[in-house]
């Protein structure tokens, strides 16, 4: 009987020790995760990898506790400069312009290699020639949507100055297209799908003519130089999430429906578009960055200045991660 009681006591003590060890281990793991803040511009297809890395706990698996904060580009640049945020989920004209104006930062990862913007006119307009002198609405002047439109118009033989390009909020673009206050709108997902469902027909697919990233990661020079281990884990998390988005259709559609709040039909189209545009290895490309620089110079910024790839980009960590994940590199 004594032996039996002693065995039960030992079993009880061992159980308590195991539970305590497990709880302590979980608490320690949580305490030792690196806490970082990442800004993102909007809840759209551009930031799917960020949302997936958070919701699917990929950041946690890489020892990171991430707080994502929605910010406009100018506010994000200021926050990156002050250290209030650690990374910006985006690479585009605004982030590159900030770098060239003195913000110590560089593009370090691409979410995609091409844009998902579509120009849709009112039914009475059948060609770009018919839209000359007419109003084309988009979400912001001087940003990615604006400069991408100008590059695409040039690529098809049109002069951007022949069109009246105006900035409107996303809801106003759709209503303006319907009520005729604008003759055409440049839309991205999910608005372009809603417009198609209402009978508007695409006139110009921007991604066919502009090889510019949609989404990505911009890091401060301090993070690149002195927080290399942390940055490696961030890029690994994002690239792993990007790959999972491409490989897991149902899981990805569910994420899109919950995060962007669209019906399944639209989510399926967004998944297909993301699969087409986000298949790369995440390493910032020379062509993509050159297109961004060209777009800025089209707007009269940094004209006459030769801008080196390494001045605005650091591909070293993205290349290392891509190799580790099995991607083939040039």
C-alpha atoms as a PDB file:
ATOM      1  CA  UNK A   1       0.000   0.000   0.000  1.00  0.00           C
ATOM      2  CA  UNK A   2       2.850   2.356   0.916  1.00  0.00           C
ATOM      3  CA  UNK A   3       4.541   1.673  -2.410  1.00  0.00           C
ATOM      4  CA  UNK A   4       1.287   2.296  -4.257  1.00  0.00           C
ATOM      5  CA  UNK A   5       0.757   5.636  -2.445  1.00  0.00           C
ATOM      6  CA  UNK A   6       4.366   6.580  -3.086  1.00  0.00           C
ATOM      7  CA  UNK A   7       3.965   5.809  -6.790  1.00  0.00           C
ATOM      8  CA  UNK A   8       0.807   7.889  -6.979  1.00  0.00           C
ATOM      9  CA  UNK A   9       2.559  10.778  -5.246  1.00  0.00           C
ATOM     10  CA  UNK A  10       5.495  10.597  -7.641  1.00  0.00           C
ATOM     11  CA  UNK A  11       3.115  10.485 -10.615  1.00  0.00           C
ATOM     12  CA  UNK A  12       1.249  13.530  -9.283  1.00  0.00           C
ATOM     13  CA  UNK A  13       4.490  15.487  -8.791  1.00  0.00           C
ATOM     14  CA  UNK A  14       5.716  14.521 -12.253  1.00  0.00           C
ATOM     15  CA  UNK A  15       2.437  15.623 -13.830  1.00  0.00           C
ATOM     16  CA  UNK A  16       2.535  18.981 -12.068  1.00  0.00           C
ATOM     17  CA  UNK A  17       6.160  19.457 -13.132  1.00  0.00           C
ATOM     18  CA  UNK A  18       5.313  18.643 -16.749  1.00  0.00           C
ATOM     19  CA  UNK A  19       2.384  21.079 -16.815  1.00  0.00           C
ATOM     20  CA  UNK A  20       4.476  23.793 -15.164  1.00  0.00           C
ATOM     21  CA  UNK A  21       7.319  23.185 -17.607  1.00  0.00           C
ATOM     22  CA  UNK A  22       4.948  23.342 -20.584  1.00  0.00           C
ATOM     23  CA  UNK A  23       3.288  26.573 -19.429  1.00  0.00           C
ATOM     24  CA  UNK A  24       6.654  28.116 -18.568  1.00  0.00           C
ATOM     25  CA  UNK A  25       8.030  27.096 -21.947  1.00  0.00           C
ATOM     26  CA  UNK A  26       5.098  28.677 -23.778  1.00  0.00           C
ATOM     27  CA  UNK A  27       5.399  31.855 -21.734  1.00  0.00           C
ATOM     28  CA  UNK A  28       9.153  31.984 -22.364  1.00  0.00           C
ATOM     29  CA  UNK A  29       8.639  31.426 -26.087  1.00  0.00           C
ATOM     30  CA  UNK A  30       6.155  34.291 -26.166  1.00  0.00           C
ATOM     31  CA  UNK A  31       8.493  36.526 -24.175  1.00  0.00           C
ATOM     32  CA  UNK A  32      11.441  35.761 -26.461  1.00  0.00           C
ATOM     33  CA  UNK A  33       9.553  36.556 -29.672  1.00  0.00           C
ATOM     34  CA  UNK A  34      10.819  39.730 -31.295  1.00  0.00           C
ATOM     35  CA  UNK A  35       8.131  42.390 -31.321  1.00  0.00           C
ATOM     36  CA  UNK A  36       7.946  44.473 -34.491  1.00  0.00           C
ATOM     37  CA  UNK A  37       5.538  46.866 -36.196  1.00  0.00           C
ATOM     38  CA  UNK A  38       4.814  46.757 -39.929  1.00  0.00           C
ATOM     39  CA  UNK A  39       2.698  49.364 -41.694  1.00  0.00           C
ATOM     40  CA  UNK A  40       0.495  48.552 -44.677  1.00  0.00           C
ATOM     41  CA  UNK A  41      -1.368  50.964 -47.007  1.00  0.00           C
ATOM     42  CA  UNK A  42      -4.772  49.301 -47.297  1.00  0.00           C
ATOM     43  CA  UNK A  43      -6.674  46.035 -47.004  1.00  0.00           C
ATOM     44  CA  UNK A  44      -6.251  44.760 -50.529  1.00  0.00           C
ATOM     45  CA  UNK A  45      -4.531  42.151 -52.651  1.00  0.00           C
ATOM     46  CA  UNK A  46      -1.212  44.021 -52.316  1.00  0.00           C
ATOM     47  CA  UNK A  47      -0.801  42.876 -48.721  1.00  0.00           C
ATOM     48  CA  UNK A  48      -2.113  39.305 -48.827  1.00  0.00           C
ATOM     49  CA  UNK A  49       1.242  37.828 -47.795  1.00  0.00           C
ATOM     50  CA  UNK A  50       1.333  40.051 -44.700  1.00  0.00           C
ATOM     51  CA  UNK A  51      -2.208  39.070 -43.688  1.00  0.00           C
ATOM     52  CA  UNK A  52      -1.495  35.380 -44.322  1.00  0.00           C
ATOM     53  CA  UNK A  53       1.749  35.441 -42.327  1.00  0.00           C
ATOM     54  CA  UNK A  54      -0.159  36.884 -39.379  1.00  0.00           C
ATOM     55  CA  UNK A  55      -3.348  34.833 -39.513  1.00  0.00           C
ATOM     56  CA  UNK A  56      -1.620  31.539 -40.314  1.00  0.00           C
ATOM     57  CA  UNK A  57       0.914  32.165 -37.504  1.00  0.00           C
ATOM     58  CA  UNK A  58       3.906  32.042 -39.849  1.00  0.00           C
ATOM     59  CA  UNK A  59       5.436  35.063 -38.114  1.00  0.00           C
ATOM     60  CA  UNK A  60       5.124  33.271 -34.763  1.00  0.00           C
ATOM     61  CA  UNK A  61       6.812  30.182 -36.192  1.00  0.00           C
ATOM     62  CA  UNK A  62       9.751  32.421 -37.067  1.00  0.00           C
ATOM     63  CA  UNK A  63       9.965  33.941 -33.593  1.00  0.00           C
ATOM     64  CA  UNK A  64       8.186  37.187 -34.390  1.00  0.00           C
ATOM     65  CA  UNK A  65       5.293  38.991 -32.735  1.00  0.00           C
ATOM     66  CA  UNK A  66       3.992  41.356 -35.399  1.00  0.00           C
ATOM     67  CA  UNK A  67       1.669  44.317 -35.033  1.00  0.00           C
ATOM     68  CA  UNK A  68       0.384  45.497 -38.417  1.00  0.00           C
ATOM     69  CA  UNK A  69      -0.813  49.095 -38.664  1.00  0.00           C
ATOM     70  CA  UNK A  70      -2.684  50.668 -41.577  1.00  0.00           C
ATOM     71  CA  UNK A  71      -1.033  53.945 -42.620  1.00  0.00           C
ATOM     72  CA  UNK A  72      -0.910  56.228 -45.632  1.00  0.00           C
ATOM     73  CA  UNK A  73       2.450  56.245 -47.412  1.00  0.00           C
ATOM     74  CA  UNK A  74       3.592  59.652 -46.137  1.00  0.00           C
ATOM     75  CA  UNK A  75       2.736  58.767 -42.538  1.00  0.00           C
ATOM     76  CA  UNK A  76       4.496  55.414 -42.885  1.00  0.00           C
ATOM     77  CA  UNK A  77       7.666  57.084 -44.151  1.00  0.00           C
ATOM     78  CA  UNK A  78       7.685  59.448 -41.176  1.00  0.00           C
ATOM     79  CA  UNK A  79       7.057  56.573 -38.762  1.00  0.00           C
ATOM     80  CA  UNK A  80       9.884  54.552 -40.310  1.00  0.00           C
ATOM     81  CA  UNK A  81      12.234  57.520 -39.936  1.00  0.00           C
ATOM     82  CA  UNK A  82      11.303  57.996 -36.257  1.00  0.00           C
ATOM     83  CA  UNK A  83      11.438  54.283 -35.442  1.00  0.00           C
ATOM     84  CA  UNK A  84       7.731  54.107 -34.533  1.00  0.00           C
ATOM     85  CA  UNK A  85       7.434  51.313 -37.097  1.00  0.00           C
ATOM     86  CA  UNK A  86      10.156  48.914 -38.190  1.00  0.00           C
ATOM     87  CA  UNK A  87       9.089  48.036 -41.747  1.00  0.00           C
ATOM     88  CA  UNK A  88       6.747  49.266 -44.470  1.00  0.00           C
ATOM     89  CA  UNK A  89       4.745  46.635 -46.366  1.00  0.00           C
ATOM     90  CA  UNK A  90       5.139  48.213 -49.770  1.00  0.00           C
ATOM     91  CA  UNK A  91       7.558  49.095 -52.529  1.00  0.00           C
ATOM     92  CA  UNK A  92       6.513  51.758 -55.002  1.00  0.00           C
ATOM     93  CA  UNK A  93       6.965  55.354 -56.155  1.00  0.00           C
ATOM     94  CA  UNK A  94       6.245  56.829 -52.720  1.00  0.00           C
ATOM     95  CA  UNK A  95       8.708  54.628 -50.836  1.00  0.00           C
ATOM     96  CA  UNK A  96      11.449  54.999 -53.477  1.00  0.00           C
ATOM     97  CA  UNK A  97      10.945  58.773 -53.653  1.00  0.00           C
ATOM     98  CA  UNK A  98      11.304  58.935 -49.865  1.00  0.00           C
ATOM     99  CA  UNK A  99      14.593  57.015 -50.098  1.00  0.00           C
ATOM    100  CA  UNK A 100      15.905  59.343 -52.800  1.00  0.00           C
ATOM    101  CA  UNK A 101      14.927  62.371 -50.700  1.00  0.00           C
ATOM    102  CA  UNK A 102      17.058  61.157 -47.817  1.00  0.00           C
ATOM    103  CA  UNK A 103      15.048  58.597 -45.840  1.00  0.00           C
ATOM    104  CA  UNK A 104      17.652  55.932 -44.964  1.00  0.00           C
ATOM    105  CA  UNK A 105      15.730  52.954 -46.367  1.00  0.00           C
ATOM    106  CA  UNK A 106      15.715  50.450 -49.214  1.00  0.00           C
ATOM    107  CA  UNK A 107      13.410  47.974 -50.937  1.00  0.00           C
ATOM    108  CA  UNK A 108      14.273  44.476 -49.684  1.00  0.00           C
ATOM    109  CA  UNK A 109      11.462  42.176 -50.896  1.00  0.00           C
ATOM    110  CA  UNK A 110       8.818  42.046 -53.649  1.00  0.00           C
ATOM    111  CA  UNK A 111       5.329  40.641 -53.057  1.00  0.00           C
ATOM    112  CA  UNK A 112       4.645  40.514 -56.805  1.00  0.00           C
ATOM    113  CA  UNK A 113       6.213  41.356 -60.130  1.00  0.00           C
ATOM    114  CA  UNK A 114       3.255  43.046 -61.822  1.00  0.00           C
ATOM    115  CA  UNK A 115       0.302  45.301 -61.105  1.00  0.00           C
ATOM    116  CA  UNK A 116      -3.388  44.432 -61.061  1.00  0.00           C
ATOM    117  CA  UNK A 117      -5.007  47.637 -62.339  1.00  0.00           C
ATOM    118  CA  UNK A 118      -7.661  47.894 -65.032  1.00  0.00           C
ATOM    119  CA  UNK A 119      -9.017  50.934 -66.882  1.00  0.00           C
ATOM    120  CA  UNK A 120     -12.777  50.595 -67.380  1.00  0.00           C
ATOM    121  CA  UNK A 121     -14.697  53.273 -69.337  1.00  0.00           C
ATOM    122  CA  UNK A 122     -18.381  54.045 -69.499  1.00  0.00           C
ATOM    123  CA  UNK A 123     -20.171  51.989 -72.192  1.00  0.00           C
ATOM    124  CA  UNK A 124     -20.225  54.809 -74.774  1.00  0.00           C
ATOM    125  CA  UNK A 125     -16.409  54.847 -74.973  1.00  0.00           C
ATOM    126  CA  UNK A 126     -14.892  52.011 -76.984  1.00  0.00           C
ATOM    127  CA  UNK A 127     -11.245  53.102 -77.319  1.00  0.00           C
ATOM    128  CA  UNK A 128      -8.555  55.150 -75.622  1.00  0.00           C
ATOM    129  CA  UNK A 129      -8.683  57.580 -78.531  1.00  0.00           C
ATOM    130  CA  UNK A 130     -12.308  58.341 -77.649  1.00  0.00           C
ATOM    131  CA  UNK A 131     -11.240  59.031 -74.049  1.00  0.00           C
ATOM    132  CA  UNK A 132      -8.801  61.799 -74.992  1.00  0.00           C
ATOM    133  CA  UNK A 133      -9.731  64.967 -73.132  1.00  0.00           C
ATOM    134  CA  UNK A 134     -11.960  62.968 -70.797  1.00  0.00           C
ATOM    135  CA  UNK A 135     -11.646  62.285 -67.077  1.00  0.00           C
ATOM    136  CA  UNK A 136      -9.979  59.097 -65.837  1.00  0.00           C
ATOM    137  CA  UNK A 137     -10.353  58.646 -62.091  1.00  0.00           C
ATOM    138  CA  UNK A 138      -7.885  56.837 -59.872  1.00  0.00           C
ATOM    139  CA  UNK A 139      -7.094  56.637 -56.171  1.00  0.00           C
ATOM    140  CA  UNK A 140      -4.153  59.017 -55.884  1.00  0.00           C
ATOM    141  CA  UNK A 141      -1.912  61.334 -57.871  1.00  0.00           C
ATOM    142  CA  UNK A 142       1.825  60.675 -57.718  1.00  0.00           C
ATOM    143  CA  UNK A 143       1.439  57.141 -56.379  1.00  0.00           C
ATOM    144  CA  UNK A 144       1.692  53.730 -57.998  1.00  0.00           C
ATOM    145  CA  UNK A 145      -1.731  53.836 -59.664  1.00  0.00           C
ATOM    146  CA  UNK A 146      -1.061  57.237 -61.245  1.00  0.00           C
ATOM    147  CA  UNK A 147       2.409  56.618 -62.617  1.00  0.00           C
ATOM    148  CA  UNK A 148       1.534  53.099 -63.775  1.00  0.00           C
ATOM    149  CA  UNK A 149      -1.351  54.505 -65.821  1.00  0.00           C
ATOM    150  CA  UNK A 150       0.945  57.070 -67.437  1.00  0.00           C
ATOM    151  CA  UNK A 151       3.536  54.414 -68.344  1.00  0.00           C
ATOM    152  CA  UNK A 152       0.868  52.120 -69.790  1.00  0.00           C
ATOM    153  CA  UNK A 153      -0.648  54.935 -71.865  1.00  0.00           C
ATOM    154  CA  UNK A 154       2.773  55.721 -73.310  1.00  0.00           C
ATOM    155  CA  UNK A 155       3.347  52.022 -74.014  1.00  0.00           C
ATOM    156  CA  UNK A 156       0.234  51.854 -76.210  1.00  0.00           C
ATOM    157  CA  UNK A 157       1.132  55.029 -78.091  1.00  0.00           C
ATOM    158  CA  UNK A 158      -0.931  57.552 -76.150  1.00  0.00           C
ATOM    159  CA  UNK A 159       0.228  60.778 -74.536  1.00  0.00           C
ATOM    160  CA  UNK A 160      -0.831  60.902 -70.849  1.00  0.00           C
ATOM    161  CA  UNK A 161      -1.232  64.669 -71.169  1.00  0.00           C
ATOM    162  CA  UNK A 162      -4.149  64.086 -73.533  1.00  0.00           C
ATOM    163  CA  UNK A 163      -6.228  62.729 -70.642  1.00  0.00           C
ATOM    164  CA  UNK A 164      -7.634  64.421 -67.541  1.00  0.00           C
ATOM    165  CA  UNK A 165      -6.368  62.246 -64.683  1.00  0.00           C
ATOM    166  CA  UNK A 166      -8.070  63.002 -61.372  1.00  0.00           C
ATOM    167  CA  UNK A 167      -7.865  61.522 -57.875  1.00  0.00           C
ATOM    168  CA  UNK A 168     -10.938  60.230 -56.054  1.00  0.00           C
ATOM    169  CA  UNK A 169     -11.608  57.965 -53.100  1.00  0.00           C
ATOM    170  CA  UNK A 170     -12.252  54.323 -53.968  1.00  0.00           C
ATOM    171  CA  UNK A 171     -16.053  54.512 -53.353  1.00  0.00           C
ATOM    172  CA  UNK A 172     -16.298  57.660 -55.513  1.00  0.00           C
ATOM    173  CA  UNK A 173     -14.551  55.922 -58.411  1.00  0.00           C
ATOM    174  CA  UNK A 174     -17.318  53.345 -58.705  1.00  0.00           C
ATOM    175  CA  UNK A 175     -20.173  55.807 -58.206  1.00  0.00           C
ATOM    176  CA  UNK A 176     -18.536  58.325 -60.561  1.00  0.00           C
ATOM    177  CA  UNK A 177     -18.245  55.702 -63.269  1.00  0.00           C
ATOM    178  CA  UNK A 178     -21.925  54.860 -62.853  1.00  0.00           C
ATOM    179  CA  UNK A 179     -23.308  58.412 -62.715  1.00  0.00           C
ATOM    180  CA  UNK A 180     -21.030  59.844 -65.411  1.00  0.00           C
ATOM    181  CA  UNK A 181     -19.043  62.320 -63.305  1.00  0.00           C
ATOM    182  CA  UNK A 182     -15.975  60.564 -64.745  1.00  0.00           C
ATOM    183  CA  UNK A 183     -15.716  58.890 -68.122  1.00  0.00           C
ATOM    184  CA  UNK A 184     -13.385  56.069 -67.001  1.00  0.00           C
ATOM    185  CA  UNK A 185     -11.830  54.686 -63.850  1.00  0.00           C
ATOM    186  CA  UNK A 186      -8.666  52.799 -63.123  1.00  0.00           C
ATOM    187  CA  UNK A 187      -9.590  50.153 -60.572  1.00  0.00           C
ATOM    188  CA  UNK A 188      -7.833  47.367 -58.737  1.00  0.00           C
ATOM    189  CA  UNK A 189      -9.320  44.437 -56.866  1.00  0.00           C
ATOM    190  CA  UNK A 190     -11.975  44.027 -55.682  1.00  0.00           C
ATOM    191  CA  UNK A 191     -13.550  47.105 -57.350  1.00  0.00           C
ATOM    192  CA  UNK A 192     -12.570  46.029 -60.872  1.00  0.00           C
ATOM    193  CA  UNK A 193     -14.502  42.773 -60.401  1.00  0.00           C
ATOM    194  CA  UNK A 194     -17.562  44.606 -59.118  1.00  0.00           C
ATOM    195  CA  UNK A 195     -17.403  46.957 -62.122  1.00  0.00           C
ATOM    196  CA  UNK A 196     -17.223  44.028 -64.539  1.00  0.00           C
ATOM    197  CA  UNK A 197     -20.255  42.446 -62.888  1.00  0.00           C
ATOM    198  CA  UNK A 198     -22.156  45.702 -63.490  1.00  0.00           C
ATOM    199  CA  UNK A 199     -21.382  45.540 -67.210  1.00  0.00           C
ATOM    200  CA  UNK A 200     -18.320  47.785 -67.537  1.00  0.00           C
ATOM    201  CA  UNK A 201     -15.723  46.333 -69.910  1.00  0.00           C
ATOM    202  CA  UNK A 202     -11.915  46.537 -69.510  1.00  0.00           C
ATOM    203  CA  UNK A 203     -10.163  48.829 -71.966  1.00  0.00           C
ATOM    204  CA  UNK A 204      -6.583  48.690 -70.694  1.00  0.00           C
ATOM    205  CA  UNK A 205      -4.878  46.124 -68.458  1.00  0.00           C
ATOM    206  CA  UNK A 206      -2.030  48.020 -66.797  1.00  0.00           C
ATOM    207  CA  UNK A 207      -0.101  44.890 -65.807  1.00  0.00           C
ATOM    208  CA  UNK A 208       0.333  43.956 -69.477  1.00  0.00           C
ATOM    209  CA  UNK A 209       2.552  47.004 -69.980  1.00  0.00           C
ATOM    210  CA  UNK A 210       4.069  47.826 -66.590  1.00  0.00           C
ATOM    211  CA  UNK A 211       6.437  45.476 -64.775  1.00  0.00           C
ATOM    212  CA  UNK A 212       6.299  47.178 -61.397  1.00  0.00           C
ATOM    213  CA  UNK A 213       5.867  45.513 -57.991  1.00  0.00           C
ATOM    214  CA  UNK A 214       2.525  45.477 -56.223  1.00  0.00           C
ATOM    215  CA  UNK A 215       3.404  45.290 -52.540  1.00  0.00           C
ATOM    216  CA  UNK A 216       6.665  44.285 -50.938  1.00  0.00           C
ATOM    217  CA  UNK A 217       8.818  45.325 -48.017  1.00  0.00           C
ATOM    218  CA  UNK A 218      10.849  48.462 -47.374  1.00  0.00           C
ATOM    219  CA  UNK A 219      13.304  48.428 -44.475  1.00  0.00           C
ATOM    220  CA  UNK A 220      15.380  51.102 -42.795  1.00  0.00           C
ATOM    221  CA  UNK A 221      19.118  50.976 -43.374  1.00  0.00           C
ATOM    222  CA  UNK A 222      19.528  50.426 -39.628  1.00  0.00           C
ATOM    223  CA  UNK A 223      17.430  47.255 -39.804  1.00  0.00           C
ATOM    224  CA  UNK A 224      19.351  46.016 -42.833  1.00  0.00           C
ATOM    225  CA  UNK A 225      22.707  46.610 -41.179  1.00  0.00           C
ATOM    226  CA  UNK A 226      22.149  45.857 -37.486  1.00  0.00           C
ATOM    227  CA  UNK A 227      18.956  43.765 -37.285  1.00  0.00           C
ATOM    228  CA  UNK A 228      19.865  41.290 -39.989  1.00  0.00           C
ATOM    229  CA  UNK A 229      18.599  38.207 -38.138  1.00  0.00           C
ATOM    230  CA  UNK A 230      15.239  39.846 -37.519  1.00  0.00           C
ATOM    231  CA  UNK A 231      14.936  41.000 -41.140  1.00  0.00           C
ATOM    232  CA  UNK A 232      15.759  37.490 -42.347  1.00  0.00           C
ATOM    233  CA  UNK A 233      12.875  36.126 -40.284  1.00  0.00           C
ATOM    234  CA  UNK A 234      10.501  38.788 -41.601  1.00  0.00           C
ATOM    235  CA  UNK A 235      11.366  38.074 -45.235  1.00  0.00           C
ATOM    236  CA  UNK A 236      11.283  34.312 -44.682  1.00  0.00           C
ATOM    237  CA  UNK A 237       7.814  34.638 -43.118  1.00  0.00           C
ATOM    238  CA  UNK A 238       6.471  36.753 -45.967  1.00  0.00           C
ATOM    239  CA  UNK A 239       7.924  34.572 -48.714  1.00  0.00           C
ATOM    240  CA  UNK A 240       6.656  31.413 -46.985  1.00  0.00           C
ATOM    241  CA  UNK A 241       3.199  32.989 -46.713  1.00  0.00           C
ATOM    242  CA  UNK A 242       3.321  34.033 -50.359  1.00  0.00           C
ATOM    243  CA  UNK A 243       4.150  30.483 -51.420  1.00  0.00           C
ATOM    244  CA  UNK A 244       1.358  29.072 -49.239  1.00  0.00           C
ATOM    245  CA  UNK A 245      -1.114  31.513 -50.818  1.00  0.00           C
ATOM    246  CA  UNK A 246      -0.242  30.186 -54.253  1.00  0.00           C
ATOM    247  CA  UNK A 247      -0.372  26.530 -53.264  1.00  0.00           C
ATOM    248  CA  UNK A 248      -3.447  26.388 -50.992  1.00  0.00           C
ATOM    249  CA  UNK A 249      -6.419  27.557 -53.062  1.00  0.00           C
ATOM    250  CA  UNK A 250      -9.260  26.938 -50.601  1.00  0.00           C
ATOM    251  CA  UNK A 251      -7.313  28.252 -47.632  1.00  0.00           C
ATOM    252  CA  UNK A 252      -6.344  31.355 -49.619  1.00  0.00           C
ATOM    253  CA  UNK A 253      -9.876  32.025 -50.848  1.00  0.00           C
ATOM    254  CA  UNK A 254     -11.111  31.780 -47.277  1.00  0.00           C
ATOM    255  CA  UNK A 255      -8.451  34.299 -46.177  1.00  0.00           C
ATOM    256  CA  UNK A 256      -9.432  36.709 -48.958  1.00  0.00           C
ATOM    257  CA  UNK A 257     -13.132  36.433 -48.130  1.00  0.00           C
ATOM    258  CA  UNK A 258     -12.588  37.069 -44.415  1.00  0.00           C
ATOM    259  CA  UNK A 259      -9.899  39.750 -44.679  1.00  0.00           C
ATOM    260  CA  UNK A 260     -10.991  41.769 -47.707  1.00  0.00           C
ATOM    261  CA  UNK A 261     -14.665  40.939 -47.075  1.00  0.00           C
ATOM    262  CA  UNK A 262     -15.759  39.892 -50.536  1.00  0.00           C
ATOM    263  CA  UNK A 263     -18.054  37.136 -51.735  1.00  0.00           C
ATOM    264  CA  UNK A 264     -16.580  33.856 -52.932  1.00  0.00           C
ATOM    265  CA  UNK A 265     -16.895  34.638 -56.654  1.00  0.00           C
ATOM    266  CA  UNK A 266     -14.773  37.759 -56.275  1.00  0.00           C
ATOM    267  CA  UNK A 267     -12.329  35.980 -53.944  1.00  0.00           C
ATOM    268  CA  UNK A 268     -11.787  33.292 -56.581  1.00  0.00           C
ATOM    269  CA  UNK A 269     -10.932  35.924 -59.197  1.00  0.00           C
ATOM    270  CA  UNK A 270      -8.597  37.662 -56.763  1.00  0.00           C
ATOM    271  CA  UNK A 271      -6.880  34.363 -56.030  1.00  0.00           C
ATOM    272  CA  UNK A 272      -6.356  33.795 -59.768  1.00  0.00           C
ATOM    273  CA  UNK A 273      -4.933  37.311 -60.231  1.00  0.00           C
ATOM    274  CA  UNK A 274      -2.635  36.888 -57.239  1.00  0.00           C
ATOM    275  CA  UNK A 275      -1.396  33.567 -58.611  1.00  0.00           C
ATOM    276  CA  UNK A 276      -0.494  35.259 -61.918  1.00  0.00           C
ATOM    277  CA  UNK A 277       1.260  38.261 -60.401  1.00  0.00           C
ATOM    278  CA  UNK A 278       2.886  36.886 -57.239  1.00  0.00           C
ATOM    279  CA  UNK A 279       4.724  33.816 -58.503  1.00  0.00           C
ATOM    280  CA  UNK A 280       8.220  35.278 -58.148  1.00  0.00           C
ATOM    281  CA  UNK A 281      10.964  34.456 -55.666  1.00  0.00           C
ATOM    282  CA  UNK A 282      10.610  37.731 -53.771  1.00  0.00           C
ATOM    283  CA  UNK A 283      13.962  39.156 -54.838  1.00  0.00           C
ATOM    284  CA  UNK A 284      13.542  42.791 -55.979  1.00  0.00           C
ATOM    285  CA  UNK A 285      14.169  42.949 -59.714  1.00  0.00           C
ATOM    286  CA  UNK A 286      16.211  45.541 -61.537  1.00  0.00           C
ATOM    287  CA  UNK A 287      13.438  46.004 -64.107  1.00  0.00           C
ATOM    288  CA  UNK A 288      10.799  46.597 -61.448  1.00  0.00           C
ATOM    289  CA  UNK A 289      12.878  49.219 -59.656  1.00  0.00           C
ATOM    290  CA  UNK A 290      13.813  50.912 -62.927  1.00  0.00           C
ATOM    291  CA  UNK A 291      10.118  51.213 -63.782  1.00  0.00           C
ATOM    292  CA  UNK A 292       9.511  52.925 -60.450  1.00  0.00           C
ATOM    293  CA  UNK A 293      12.354  55.377 -61.100  1.00  0.00           C
ATOM    294  CA  UNK A 294      11.038  56.013 -64.616  1.00  0.00           C
ATOM    295  CA  UNK A 295       7.585  56.699 -63.224  1.00  0.00           C
ATOM    296  CA  UNK A 296       8.974  59.281 -60.807  1.00  0.00           C
ATOM    297  CA  UNK A 297      10.933  60.987 -63.567  1.00  0.00           C
ATOM    298  CA  UNK A 298       7.776  61.113 -65.699  1.00  0.00           C
ATOM    299  CA  UNK A 299       6.278  63.175 -62.868  1.00  0.00           C
ATOM    300  CA  UNK A 300       9.247  65.570 -63.024  1.00  0.00           C
ATOM    301  CA  UNK A 301      11.086  64.179 -59.993  1.00  0.00           C
ATOM    302  CA  UNK A 302      14.803  63.316 -59.918  1.00  0.00           C
ATOM    303  CA  UNK A 303      15.130  64.123 -63.613  1.00  0.00           C
ATOM    304  CA  UNK A 304      18.659  64.111 -64.992  1.00  0.00           C
ATOM    305  CA  UNK A 305      19.872  62.045 -62.063  1.00  0.00           C
ATOM    306  CA  UNK A 306      21.396  58.623 -62.633  1.00  0.00           C
ATOM    307  CA  UNK A 307      20.084  56.379 -59.873  1.00  0.00           C
ATOM    308  CA  UNK A 308      21.986  53.198 -59.097  1.00  0.00           C
ATOM    309  CA  UNK A 309      20.071  50.014 -58.306  1.00  0.00           C
ATOM    310  CA  UNK A 310      21.960  49.625 -55.015  1.00  0.00           C
ATOM    311  CA  UNK A 311      21.020  53.145 -53.962  1.00  0.00           C
ATOM    312  CA  UNK A 312      17.367  52.154 -53.557  1.00  0.00           C
ATOM    313  CA  UNK A 313      17.497  48.369 -53.209  1.00  0.00           C
ATOM    314  CA  UNK A 314      19.224  45.702 -51.129  1.00  0.00           C
ATOM    315  CA  UNK A 315      18.600  42.190 -52.458  1.00  0.00           C
ATOM    316  CA  UNK A 316      21.088  40.233 -50.326  1.00  0.00           C
ATOM    317  CA  UNK A 317      18.759  38.811 -47.682  1.00  0.00           C
ATOM    318  CA  UNK A 318      15.906  38.121 -50.117  1.00  0.00           C
ATOM    319  CA  UNK A 319      18.344  36.183 -52.325  1.00  0.00           C
ATOM    320  CA  UNK A 320      19.613  34.152 -49.369  1.00  0.00           C
ATOM    321  CA  UNK A 321      16.064  33.281 -48.285  1.00  0.00           C
ATOM    322  CA  UNK A 322      15.027  32.402 -51.844  1.00  0.00           C
ATOM    323  CA  UNK A 323      17.959  29.971 -52.119  1.00  0.00           C
ATOM    324  CA  UNK A 324      17.122  28.392 -48.763  1.00  0.00           C
ATOM    325  CA  UNK A 325      13.502  27.907 -49.870  1.00  0.00           C
ATOM    326  CA  UNK A 326      14.589  26.212 -53.084  1.00  0.00           C
ATOM    327  CA  UNK A 327      14.006  28.944 -55.675  1.00  0.00           C
ATOM    328  CA  UNK A 328      16.257  29.143 -58.713  1.00  0.00           C
ATOM    329  CA  UNK A 329      18.056  32.461 -59.071  1.00  0.00           C
ATOM    330  CA  UNK A 330      19.643  34.119 -62.068  1.00  0.00           C
END
